[in-house]
Amino acid sequence: MRGAMILFLYVMLLTGCVTRPAPPSGPVAWECTGYVLGEKSLSKEDWERLDAQDKKYHRCFYDVYVDGVLLSQSPLPQHPDIAMAKRNAAEKKQMMEKLAAMKAARSASRFRCKTTRECKKAFALTQIFINTVATRKIQLATDTIIETYGIGSGAGVAIQAVKKPLSGDQEEIAIRVFCNGGDRRESCYDTTLAIYKRFSEYIAKNLQ
Protein backbone atom coordinates (compact mmCIF):
# COMPACT_ATOMS: atom_id res chain seq x y z
CA MET A 1 0.00 0.00 0.00
CA ARG A 2 2.80 2.40 0.96
CA GLY A 3 4.75 1.48 -2.19
CA ALA A 4 1.70 2.16 -4.35
CA MET A 5 1.25 5.61 -2.76
CA ILE A 6 4.91 6.52 -3.36
CA LEU A 7 4.63 5.36 -6.98
CA PHE A 8 1.46 7.42 -7.42
CA LEU A 9 3.13 10.60 -6.10
CA TYR A 10 6.18 9.99 -8.29
CA VAL A 11 4.01 9.67 -11.40
CA MET A 12 2.12 12.84 -10.44
CA LEU A 13 5.39 14.77 -10.11
CA LEU A 14 6.55 13.60 -13.52
CA THR A 15 3.35 14.11 -15.45
CA GLY A 16 1.51 16.82 -13.61
CA CYS A 17 1.68 19.34 -10.89
CA VAL A 18 1.04 18.68 -7.25
CA THR A 19 1.44 20.64 -4.06
CA ARG A 20 4.58 19.32 -2.42
CA PRO A 21 4.79 19.09 1.38
CA ALA A 22 7.35 21.12 3.28
CA PRO A 23 10.64 19.25 3.68
CA PRO A 24 11.76 18.20 7.18
CA SER A 25 14.53 20.84 7.16
CA GLY A 26 12.20 23.72 7.92
CA PRO A 27 8.86 25.48 7.37
CA VAL A 28 9.22 25.65 3.59
CA ALA A 29 6.46 24.74 1.14
CA TRP A 30 6.10 25.15 -2.62
CA GLU A 31 3.50 24.45 -5.23
CA CYS A 32 3.27 24.58 -8.99
CA THR A 33 0.96 27.39 -10.11
CA GLY A 34 1.65 27.44 -13.86
CA TYR A 35 3.34 25.56 -16.66
CA VAL A 36 6.00 26.10 -19.31
CA LEU A 37 6.55 24.00 -22.42
CA GLY A 38 9.67 25.12 -24.26
CA GLU A 39 9.32 28.90 -24.12
CA LYS A 40 5.54 28.96 -24.06
CA SER A 41 3.58 29.62 -20.88
CA LEU A 42 0.54 27.43 -20.37
CA SER A 43 -2.51 27.60 -18.18
CA LYS A 44 -3.58 24.52 -16.28
CA GLU A 45 -6.36 23.97 -18.84
CA ASP A 46 -3.87 24.13 -21.75
CA TRP A 47 -1.54 21.75 -19.96
CA GLU A 48 -4.31 19.23 -19.39
CA ARG A 49 -4.96 19.13 -23.14
CA LEU A 50 -1.37 18.10 -23.92
CA ASP A 51 -0.64 14.49 -24.75
CA ALA A 52 1.34 12.38 -22.32
CA GLN A 53 4.60 12.78 -24.24
CA ASP A 54 4.51 16.59 -24.09
CA LYS A 55 3.58 16.56 -20.42
CA LYS A 56 6.86 14.88 -19.60
CA TYR A 57 8.75 17.98 -20.75
CA HIS A 58 6.79 20.63 -18.91
CA ARG A 59 8.27 22.83 -16.20
CA CYS A 60 6.49 24.49 -13.32
CA PHE A 61 6.19 28.03 -12.14
CA TYR A 62 6.68 27.64 -8.40
CA ASP A 63 5.23 29.74 -5.61
CA VAL A 64 7.50 29.24 -2.64
CA TYR A 65 6.45 29.87 0.96
CA VAL A 66 9.11 30.25 3.63
CA ASP A 67 7.88 30.98 7.14
CA GLY A 68 4.64 32.20 5.64
CA VAL A 69 6.31 34.64 3.21
CA LEU A 70 5.39 34.13 -0.44
CA LEU A 71 8.22 34.23 -2.95
CA SER A 72 7.33 34.14 -6.65
CA GLN A 73 9.89 32.09 -8.50
CA SER A 74 10.88 31.82 -12.18
CA PRO A 75 10.22 28.58 -14.04
CA LEU A 76 12.37 25.85 -12.57
CA PRO A 77 13.10 22.37 -13.90
CA GLN A 78 13.07 21.01 -10.37
CA HIS A 79 12.05 22.05 -6.89
CA PRO A 80 13.47 25.42 -5.73
CA ASP A 81 16.76 25.84 -3.93
CA ILE A 82 15.58 25.81 -0.33
CA ALA A 83 18.63 27.61 1.06
CA MET A 84 18.21 30.40 -1.49
CA ALA A 85 14.47 30.59 -0.78
CA LYS A 86 15.16 30.95 2.93
CA ARG A 87 17.67 33.74 2.33
CA ASN A 88 15.28 35.59 0.04
CA ALA A 89 12.45 35.22 2.54
CA ALA A 90 14.63 36.46 5.40
CA GLU A 91 15.72 39.50 3.37
CA LYS A 92 12.14 40.27 2.37
CA LYS A 93 10.94 39.93 5.96
CA GLN A 94 13.74 42.17 7.22
CA MET A 95 12.93 44.81 4.60
CA MET A 96 9.24 44.82 5.55
CA GLU A 97 10.14 45.13 9.23
CA LYS A 98 12.45 48.07 8.49
CA LEU A 99 9.79 49.84 6.43
CA ALA A 100 7.24 49.34 9.21
CA ALA A 101 9.68 50.67 11.83
CA MET A 102 10.42 53.75 9.72
CA LYS A 103 6.73 54.43 9.13
CA ALA A 104 6.00 54.12 12.86
CA ALA A 105 8.92 56.38 13.81
CA ARG A 106 7.90 59.07 11.33
CA SER A 107 4.32 59.00 12.58
CA ALA A 108 5.43 59.15 16.23
CA SER A 109 7.75 62.09 15.52
CA ARG A 110 4.83 64.46 14.98
CA PHE A 111 4.61 66.98 17.82
CA ARG A 112 1.36 68.61 18.92
CA CYS A 113 1.37 71.84 20.88
CA LYS A 114 -1.67 73.23 22.72
CA THR A 115 -1.27 77.01 22.97
CA THR A 116 -0.05 79.76 20.67
CA ARG A 117 2.89 80.49 22.95
CA GLU A 118 3.87 76.84 23.24
CA CYS A 119 3.61 76.33 19.48
CA LYS A 120 5.76 79.35 18.75
CA LYS A 121 8.47 78.08 21.08
CA ALA A 122 8.16 74.53 19.72
CA PHE A 123 8.70 75.73 16.15
CA ALA A 124 11.71 77.80 17.23
CA LEU A 125 13.12 74.66 18.83
CA THR A 126 12.40 72.80 15.59
CA GLN A 127 14.64 75.22 13.72
CA ILE A 128 17.42 74.69 16.27
CA PHE A 129 17.00 70.91 15.98
CA ILE A 130 17.19 70.99 12.18
CA ASN A 131 20.21 73.26 12.26
CA THR A 132 21.88 70.76 14.60
CA VAL A 133 21.19 67.43 12.85
CA ALA A 134 20.91 68.34 9.16
CA THR A 135 24.06 68.59 7.06
CA ARG A 136 22.35 71.00 4.65
CA LYS A 137 21.91 74.63 5.72
CA ILE A 138 18.48 76.16 6.24
CA GLN A 139 17.37 78.11 3.18
CA LEU A 140 13.78 78.91 4.21
CA ALA A 141 12.23 79.65 7.61
CA THR A 142 8.73 81.09 7.95
CA ASP A 143 6.00 80.82 10.57
CA THR A 144 4.83 77.54 9.03
CA ILE A 145 7.76 76.03 7.09
CA ILE A 146 11.43 75.38 7.80
CA GLU A 147 13.41 73.88 4.95
CA THR A 148 17.06 73.16 4.30
CA TYR A 149 18.69 73.08 0.91
CA GLY A 150 17.89 69.94 -1.07
CA ILE A 151 19.88 66.75 -0.68
CA GLY A 152 21.25 66.86 -4.23
CA SER A 153 23.74 64.23 -5.33
CA GLY A 154 26.16 64.48 -2.43
CA ALA A 155 25.99 62.53 0.82
CA GLY A 156 24.17 64.21 3.68
CA VAL A 157 20.84 64.95 5.39
CA ALA A 158 18.18 67.49 4.40
CA ILE A 159 15.06 68.18 6.49
CA GLN A 160 11.73 69.92 6.00
CA ALA A 161 9.40 70.88 8.85
CA VAL A 162 5.79 71.98 8.45
CA LYS A 163 3.51 73.41 11.13
CA LYS A 164 -0.20 73.06 10.47
CA PRO A 165 -3.17 74.33 12.49
CA LEU A 166 -5.54 71.99 14.29
CA SER A 167 -8.65 72.80 16.35
CA GLY A 168 -8.52 75.85 18.57
CA ASP A 169 -4.99 77.02 19.31
CA GLN A 170 -3.50 73.58 18.77
CA GLU A 171 -0.95 72.97 16.04
CA GLU A 172 1.06 70.03 14.78
CA ILE A 173 4.69 70.04 13.69
CA ALA A 174 5.86 67.29 11.34
CA ILE A 175 9.30 66.79 9.87
CA ARG A 176 10.43 64.92 6.77
CA VAL A 177 13.98 63.64 6.48
CA PHE A 178 15.87 63.19 3.21
CA CYS A 179 19.14 61.26 3.28
CA ASN A 180 21.85 60.39 0.78
CA GLY A 181 24.40 57.95 2.13
CA GLY A 182 26.76 58.25 -0.81
CA ASP A 183 28.94 55.13 -0.85
CA ARG A 184 27.30 53.91 2.38
CA ARG A 185 23.63 53.80 1.44
CA GLU A 186 22.77 51.44 4.28
CA SER A 187 23.77 54.15 6.80
CA CYS A 188 20.84 56.33 5.73
CA TYR A 189 18.26 54.04 7.29
CA ASP A 190 19.80 54.26 10.78
CA THR A 191 20.42 58.00 10.45
CA THR A 192 16.88 58.78 9.32
CA LEU A 193 15.30 56.54 11.94
CA ALA A 194 17.36 58.15 14.71
CA ILE A 195 16.35 61.68 13.63
CA TYR A 196 12.65 60.81 13.63
CA LYS A 197 12.95 59.22 17.07
CA ARG A 198 14.87 62.16 18.54
CA PHE A 199 12.72 64.99 17.23
CA SER A 200 9.60 64.91 19.43
CA GLU A 201 11.71 63.95 22.46
CA TYR A 202 13.94 66.97 21.87
CA ILE A 203 10.99 69.37 21.56
CA ALA A 204 9.15 67.98 24.62
CA LYS A 205 12.31 68.07 26.78
CA ASN A 206 13.23 71.65 25.87
CA LEU A 207 9.70 73.01 26.23
CA GLN A 208 9.77 72.31 29.97
C-alpha atoms as a PDB file:
ATOM      1  CA  MET A   1       0.000   0.000   0.000  1.00  0.00           C
ATOM      2  CA  ARG A   2       2.804   2.399   0.962  1.00  0.00           C
ATOM      3  CA  GLY A   3       4.746   1.480  -2.190  1.00  0.00           C
ATOM      4  CA  ALA A   4       1.703   2.160  -4.355  1.00  0.00           C
ATOM      5  CA  MET A   5       1.254   5.613  -2.764  1.00  0.00           C
ATOM      6  CA  ILE A   6       4.909   6.525  -3.363  1.00  0.00           C
ATOM      7  CA  LEU A   7       4.627   5.364  -6.976  1.00  0.00           C
ATOM      8  CA  PHE A   8       1.457   7.421  -7.423  1.00  0.00           C
ATOM      9  CA  LEU A   9       3.129  10.599  -6.100  1.00  0.00           C
ATOM     10  CA  TYR A  10       6.184   9.987  -8.288  1.00  0.00           C
ATOM     11  CA  VAL A  11       4.010   9.669 -11.400  1.00  0.00           C
ATOM     12  CA  MET A  12       2.122  12.837 -10.442  1.00  0.00           C
ATOM     13  CA  LEU A  13       5.388  14.768 -10.109  1.00  0.00           C
ATOM     14  CA  LEU A  14       6.553  13.596 -13.522  1.00  0.00           C
ATOM     15  CA  THR A  15       3.351  14.107 -15.451  1.00  0.00           C
ATOM     16  CA  GLY A  16       1.509  16.819 -13.613  1.00  0.00           C
ATOM     17  CA  CYS A  17       1.675  19.341 -10.893  1.00  0.00           C
ATOM     18  CA  VAL A  18       1.038  18.682  -7.250  1.00  0.00           C
ATOM     19  CA  THR A  19       1.438  20.642  -4.065  1.00  0.00           C
ATOM     20  CA  ARG A  20       4.578  19.324  -2.420  1.00  0.00           C
ATOM     21  CA  PRO A  21       4.788  19.092   1.379  1.00  0.00           C
ATOM     22  CA  ALA A  22       7.347  21.119   3.278  1.00  0.00           C
ATOM     23  CA  PRO A  23      10.635  19.245   3.676  1.00  0.00           C
ATOM     24  CA  PRO A  24      11.763  18.202   7.176  1.00  0.00           C
ATOM     25  CA  SER A  25      14.534  20.838   7.163  1.00  0.00           C
ATOM     26  CA  GLY A  26      12.201  23.722   7.921  1.00  0.00           C
ATOM     27  CA  PRO A  27       8.863  25.483   7.367  1.00  0.00           C
ATOM     28  CA  VAL A  28       9.217  25.647   3.589  1.00  0.00           C
ATOM     29  CA  ALA A  29       6.456  24.744   1.138  1.00  0.00           C
ATOM     30  CA  TRP A  30       6.100  25.150  -2.619  1.00  0.00           C
ATOM     31  CA  GLU A  31       3.497  24.453  -5.232  1.00  0.00           C
ATOM     32  CA  CYS A  32       3.265  24.580  -8.991  1.00  0.00           C
ATOM     33  CA  THR A  33       0.955  27.388 -10.107  1.00  0.00           C
ATOM     34  CA  GLY A  34       1.651  27.443 -13.855  1.00  0.00           C
ATOM     35  CA  TYR A  35       3.345  25.560 -16.657  1.00  0.00           C
ATOM     36  CA  VAL A  36       6.002  26.101 -19.312  1.00  0.00           C
ATOM     37  CA  LEU A  37       6.548  24.000 -22.419  1.00  0.00           C
ATOM     38  CA  GLY A  38       9.667  25.123 -24.256  1.00  0.00           C
ATOM     39  CA  GLU A  39       9.322  28.904 -24.116  1.00  0.00           C
ATOM     40  CA  LYS A  40       5.543  28.962 -24.064  1.00  0.00           C
ATOM     41  CA  SER A  41       3.575  29.617 -20.879  1.00  0.00           C
ATOM     42  CA  LEU A  42       0.543  27.427 -20.368  1.00  0.00           C
ATOM     43  CA  SER A  43      -2.511  27.598 -18.179  1.00  0.00           C
ATOM     44  CA  LYS A  44      -3.578  24.519 -16.278  1.00  0.00           C
ATOM     45  CA  GLU A  45      -6.357  23.973 -18.841  1.00  0.00           C
ATOM     46  CA  ASP A  46      -3.866  24.133 -21.746  1.00  0.00           C
ATOM     47  CA  TRP A  47      -1.545  21.752 -19.957  1.00  0.00           C
ATOM     48  CA  GLU A  48      -4.306  19.231 -19.385  1.00  0.00           C
ATOM     49  CA  ARG A  49      -4.959  19.127 -23.142  1.00  0.00           C
ATOM     50  CA  LEU A  50      -1.374  18.100 -23.918  1.00  0.00           C
ATOM     51  CA  ASP A  51      -0.637  14.491 -24.751  1.00  0.00           C
ATOM     52  CA  ALA A  52       1.341  12.382 -22.317  1.00  0.00           C
ATOM     53  CA  GLN A  53       4.599  12.782 -24.244  1.00  0.00           C
ATOM     54  CA  ASP A  54       4.508  16.589 -24.090  1.00  0.00           C
ATOM     55  CA  LYS A  55       3.576  16.557 -20.424  1.00  0.00           C
ATOM     56  CA  LYS A  56       6.862  14.882 -19.605  1.00  0.00           C
ATOM     57  CA  TYR A  57       8.748  17.979 -20.752  1.00  0.00           C
ATOM     58  CA  HIS A  58       6.786  20.627 -18.915  1.00  0.00           C
ATOM     59  CA  ARG A  59       8.267  22.826 -16.204  1.00  0.00           C
ATOM     60  CA  CYS A  60       6.491  24.486 -13.321  1.00  0.00           C
ATOM     61  CA  PHE A  61       6.191  28.033 -12.138  1.00  0.00           C
ATOM     62  CA  TYR A  62       6.677  27.639  -8.405  1.00  0.00           C
ATOM     63  CA  ASP A  63       5.230  29.740  -5.615  1.00  0.00           C
ATOM     64  CA  VAL A  64       7.502  29.239  -2.635  1.00  0.00           C
ATOM     65  CA  TYR A  65       6.451  29.874   0.959  1.00  0.00           C
ATOM     66  CA  VAL A  66       9.108  30.249   3.628  1.00  0.00           C
ATOM     67  CA  ASP A  67       7.884  30.983   7.144  1.00  0.00           C
ATOM     68  CA  GLY A  68       4.644  32.204   5.640  1.00  0.00           C
ATOM     69  CA  VAL A  69       6.311  34.635   3.211  1.00  0.00           C
ATOM     70  CA  LEU A  70       5.389  34.127  -0.438  1.00  0.00           C
ATOM     71  CA  LEU A  71       8.216  34.229  -2.953  1.00  0.00           C
ATOM     72  CA  SER A  72       7.329  34.136  -6.651  1.00  0.00           C
ATOM     73  CA  GLN A  73       9.887  32.090  -8.502  1.00  0.00           C
ATOM     74  CA  SER A  74      10.877  31.825 -12.176  1.00  0.00           C
ATOM     75  CA  PRO A  75      10.219  28.584 -14.036  1.00  0.00           C
ATOM     76  CA  LEU A  76      12.372  25.850 -12.573  1.00  0.00           C
ATOM     77  CA  PRO A  77      13.095  22.371 -13.902  1.00  0.00           C
ATOM     78  CA  GLN A  78      13.070  21.009 -10.373  1.00  0.00           C
ATOM     79  CA  HIS A  79      12.046  22.050  -6.893  1.00  0.00           C
ATOM     80  CA  PRO A  80      13.471  25.423  -5.731  1.00  0.00           C
ATOM     81  CA  ASP A  81      16.760  25.837  -3.931  1.00  0.00           C
ATOM     82  CA  ILE A  82      15.579  25.809  -0.329  1.00  0.00           C
ATOM     83  CA  ALA A  83      18.634  27.610   1.063  1.00  0.00           C
ATOM     84  CA  MET A  84      18.208  30.402  -1.493  1.00  0.00           C
ATOM     85  CA  ALA A  85      14.473  30.588  -0.779  1.00  0.00           C
ATOM     86  CA  LYS A  86      15.159  30.954   2.929  1.00  0.00           C
ATOM     87  CA  ARG A  87      17.671  33.741   2.328  1.00  0.00           C
ATOM     88  CA  ASN A  88      15.279  35.591   0.040  1.00  0.00           C
ATOM     89  CA  ALA A  89      12.452  35.220   2.540  1.00  0.00           C
ATOM     90  CA  ALA A  90      14.629  36.457   5.398  1.00  0.00           C
ATOM     91  CA  GLU A  91      15.719  39.497   3.368  1.00  0.00           C
ATOM     92  CA  LYS A  92      12.142  40.271   2.368  1.00  0.00           C
ATOM     93  CA  LYS A  93      10.942  39.931   5.956  1.00  0.00           C
ATOM     94  CA  GLN A  94      13.744  42.174   7.220  1.00  0.00           C
ATOM     95  CA  MET A  95      12.933  44.807   4.600  1.00  0.00           C
ATOM     96  CA  MET A  96       9.240  44.821   5.548  1.00  0.00           C
ATOM     97  CA  GLU A  97      10.143  45.134   9.233  1.00  0.00           C
ATOM     98  CA  LYS A  98      12.446  48.068   8.491  1.00  0.00           C
ATOM     99  CA  LEU A  99       9.785  49.835   6.432  1.00  0.00           C
ATOM    100  CA  ALA A 100       7.240  49.336   9.213  1.00  0.00           C
ATOM    101  CA  ALA A 101       9.679  50.671  11.828  1.00  0.00           C
ATOM    102  CA  MET A 102      10.424  53.749   9.721  1.00  0.00           C
ATOM    103  CA  LYS A 103       6.735  54.430   9.132  1.00  0.00           C
ATOM    104  CA  ALA A 104       6.003  54.121  12.856  1.00  0.00           C
ATOM    105  CA  ALA A 105       8.921  56.381  13.814  1.00  0.00           C
ATOM    106  CA  ARG A 106       7.900  59.073  11.326  1.00  0.00           C
ATOM    107  CA  SER A 107       4.319  58.996  12.583  1.00  0.00           C
ATOM    108  CA  ALA A 108       5.427  59.149  16.228  1.00  0.00           C
ATOM    109  CA  SER A 109       7.754  62.091  15.524  1.00  0.00           C
ATOM    110  CA  ARG A 110       4.829  64.463  14.980  1.00  0.00           C
ATOM    111  CA  PHE A 111       4.606  66.979  17.816  1.00  0.00           C
ATOM    112  CA  ARG A 112       1.364  68.611  18.923  1.00  0.00           C
ATOM    113  CA  CYS A 113       1.367  71.842  20.884  1.00  0.00           C
ATOM    114  CA  LYS A 114      -1.671  73.227  22.720  1.00  0.00           C
ATOM    115  CA  THR A 115      -1.270  77.006  22.970  1.00  0.00           C
ATOM    116  CA  THR A 116      -0.051  79.763  20.670  1.00  0.00           C
ATOM    117  CA  ARG A 117       2.892  80.492  22.950  1.00  0.00           C
ATOM    118  CA  GLU A 118       3.869  76.843  23.244  1.00  0.00           C
ATOM    119  CA  CYS A 119       3.608  76.331  19.484  1.00  0.00           C
ATOM    120  CA  LYS A 120       5.762  79.350  18.748  1.00  0.00           C
ATOM    121  CA  LYS A 121       8.475  78.079  21.081  1.00  0.00           C
ATOM    122  CA  ALA A 122       8.164  74.533  19.718  1.00  0.00           C
ATOM    123  CA  PHE A 123       8.702  75.730  16.153  1.00  0.00           C
ATOM    124  CA  ALA A 124      11.705  77.801  17.227  1.00  0.00           C
ATOM    125  CA  LEU A 125      13.116  74.662  18.830  1.00  0.00           C
ATOM    126  CA  THR A 126      12.396  72.796  15.592  1.00  0.00           C
ATOM    127  CA  GLN A 127      14.635  75.223  13.718  1.00  0.00           C
ATOM    128  CA  ILE A 128      17.418  74.687  16.265  1.00  0.00           C
ATOM    129  CA  PHE A 129      17.001  70.907  15.983  1.00  0.00           C
ATOM    130  CA  ILE A 130      17.188  70.987  12.183  1.00  0.00           C
ATOM    131  CA  ASN A 131      20.212  73.261  12.257  1.00  0.00           C
ATOM    132  CA  THR A 132      21.880  70.756  14.596  1.00  0.00           C
ATOM    133  CA  VAL A 133      21.188  67.432  12.852  1.00  0.00           C
ATOM    134  CA  ALA A 134      20.911  68.342   9.159  1.00  0.00           C
ATOM    135  CA  THR A 135      24.061  68.594   7.055  1.00  0.00           C
ATOM    136  CA  ARG A 136      22.352  71.003   4.649  1.00  0.00           C
ATOM    137  CA  LYS A 137      21.913  74.629   5.720  1.00  0.00           C
ATOM    138  CA  ILE A 138      18.482  76.164   6.237  1.00  0.00           C
ATOM    139  CA  GLN A 139      17.371  78.113   3.185  1.00  0.00           C
ATOM    140  CA  LEU A 140      13.780  78.911   4.210  1.00  0.00           C
ATOM    141  CA  ALA A 141      12.233  79.650   7.609  1.00  0.00           C
ATOM    142  CA  THR A 142       8.730  81.094   7.951  1.00  0.00           C
ATOM    143  CA  ASP A 143       5.997  80.819  10.572  1.00  0.00           C
ATOM    144  CA  THR A 144       4.832  77.539   9.028  1.00  0.00           C
ATOM    145  CA  ILE A 145       7.759  76.033   7.088  1.00  0.00           C
ATOM    146  CA  ILE A 146      11.427  75.378   7.802  1.00  0.00           C
ATOM    147  CA  GLU A 147      13.411  73.884   4.948  1.00  0.00           C
ATOM    148  CA  THR A 148      17.063  73.162   4.305  1.00  0.00           C
ATOM    149  CA  TYR A 149      18.693  73.076   0.907  1.00  0.00           C
ATOM    150  CA  GLY A 150      17.890  69.943  -1.067  1.00  0.00           C
ATOM    151  CA  ILE A 151      19.878  66.752  -0.676  1.00  0.00           C
ATOM    152  CA  GLY A 152      21.247  66.865  -4.234  1.00  0.00           C
ATOM    153  CA  SER A 153      23.738  64.229  -5.331  1.00  0.00           C
ATOM    154  CA  GLY A 154      26.165  64.478  -2.427  1.00  0.00           C
ATOM    155  CA  ALA A 155      25.992  62.533   0.823  1.00  0.00           C
ATOM    156  CA  GLY A 156      24.170  64.213   3.679  1.00  0.00           C
ATOM    157  CA  VAL A 157      20.843  64.953   5.385  1.00  0.00           C
ATOM    158  CA  ALA A 158      18.178  67.489   4.404  1.00  0.00           C
ATOM    159  CA  ILE A 159      15.065  68.185   6.492  1.00  0.00           C
ATOM    160  CA  GLN A 160      11.734  69.919   6.002  1.00  0.00           C
ATOM    161  CA  ALA A 161       9.400  70.884   8.848  1.00  0.00           C
ATOM    162  CA  VAL A 162       5.790  71.979   8.453  1.00  0.00           C
ATOM    163  CA  LYS A 163       3.507  73.415  11.130  1.00  0.00           C
ATOM    164  CA  LYS A 164      -0.198  73.064  10.469  1.00  0.00           C
ATOM    165  CA  PRO A 165      -3.174  74.333  12.494  1.00  0.00           C
ATOM    166  CA  LEU A 166      -5.539  71.991  14.289  1.00  0.00           C
ATOM    167  CA  SER A 167      -8.645  72.801  16.347  1.00  0.00           C
ATOM    168  CA  GLY A 168      -8.518  75.850  18.572  1.00  0.00           C
ATOM    169  CA  ASP A 169      -4.985  77.021  19.305  1.00  0.00           C
ATOM    170  CA  GLN A 170      -3.495  73.581  18.773  1.00  0.00           C
ATOM    171  CA  GLU A 171      -0.947  72.974  16.039  1.00  0.00           C
ATOM    172  CA  GLU A 172       1.062  70.027  14.781  1.00  0.00           C
ATOM    173  CA  ILE A 173       4.694  70.038  13.689  1.00  0.00           C
ATOM    174  CA  ALA A 174       5.864  67.294  11.344  1.00  0.00           C
ATOM    175  CA  ILE A 175       9.305  66.786   9.871  1.00  0.00           C
ATOM    176  CA  ARG A 176      10.428  64.917   6.769  1.00  0.00           C
ATOM    177  CA  VAL A 177      13.976  63.638   6.482  1.00  0.00           C
ATOM    178  CA  PHE A 178      15.872  63.193   3.206  1.00  0.00           C
ATOM    179  CA  CYS A 179      19.141  61.260   3.275  1.00  0.00           C
ATOM    180  CA  ASN A 180      21.849  60.386   0.784  1.00  0.00           C
ATOM    181  CA  GLY A 181      24.398  57.946   2.134  1.00  0.00           C
ATOM    182  CA  GLY A 182      26.757  58.247  -0.814  1.00  0.00           C
ATOM    183  CA  ASP A 183      28.937  55.133  -0.851  1.00  0.00           C
ATOM    184  CA  ARG A 184      27.297  53.911   2.379  1.00  0.00           C
ATOM    185  CA  ARG A 185      23.633  53.799   1.444  1.00  0.00           C
ATOM    186  CA  GLU A 186      22.773  51.445   4.282  1.00  0.00           C
ATOM    187  CA  SER A 187      23.772  54.146   6.804  1.00  0.00           C
ATOM    188  CA  CYS A 188      20.842  56.325   5.733  1.00  0.00           C
ATOM    189  CA  TYR A 189      18.264  54.038   7.292  1.00  0.00           C
ATOM    190  CA  ASP A 190      19.800  54.262  10.778  1.00  0.00           C
ATOM    191  CA  THR A 191      20.419  58.001  10.447  1.00  0.00           C
ATOM    192  CA  THR A 192      16.885  58.779   9.317  1.00  0.00           C
ATOM    193  CA  LEU A 193      15.298  56.541  11.943  1.00  0.00           C
ATOM    194  CA  ALA A 194      17.360  58.154  14.709  1.00  0.00           C
ATOM    195  CA  ILE A 195      16.346  61.676  13.634  1.00  0.00           C
ATOM    196  CA  TYR A 196      12.654  60.808  13.632  1.00  0.00           C
ATOM    197  CA  LYS A 197      12.948  59.223  17.075  1.00  0.00           C
ATOM    198  CA  ARG A 198      14.873  62.160  18.544  1.00  0.00           C
ATOM    199  CA  PHE A 199      12.721  64.988  17.226  1.00  0.00           C
ATOM    200  CA  SER A 200       9.598  64.910  19.426  1.00  0.00           C
ATOM    201  CA  GLU A 201      11.709  63.951  22.462  1.00  0.00           C
ATOM    202  CA  TYR A 202      13.936  66.969  21.868  1.00  0.00           C
ATOM    203  CA  ILE A 203      10.990  69.366  21.560  1.00  0.00           C
ATOM    204  CA  ALA A 204       9.150  67.983  24.623  1.00  0.00           C
ATOM    205  CA  LYS A 205      12.306  68.065  26.776  1.00  0.00           C
ATOM    206  CA  ASN A 206      13.225  71.649  25.872  1.00  0.00           C
ATOM    207  CA  LEU A 207       9.701  73.007  26.235  1.00  0.00           C
ATOM    208  CA  GLN A 208       9.774  72.308  29.970  1.00  0.00           C
END
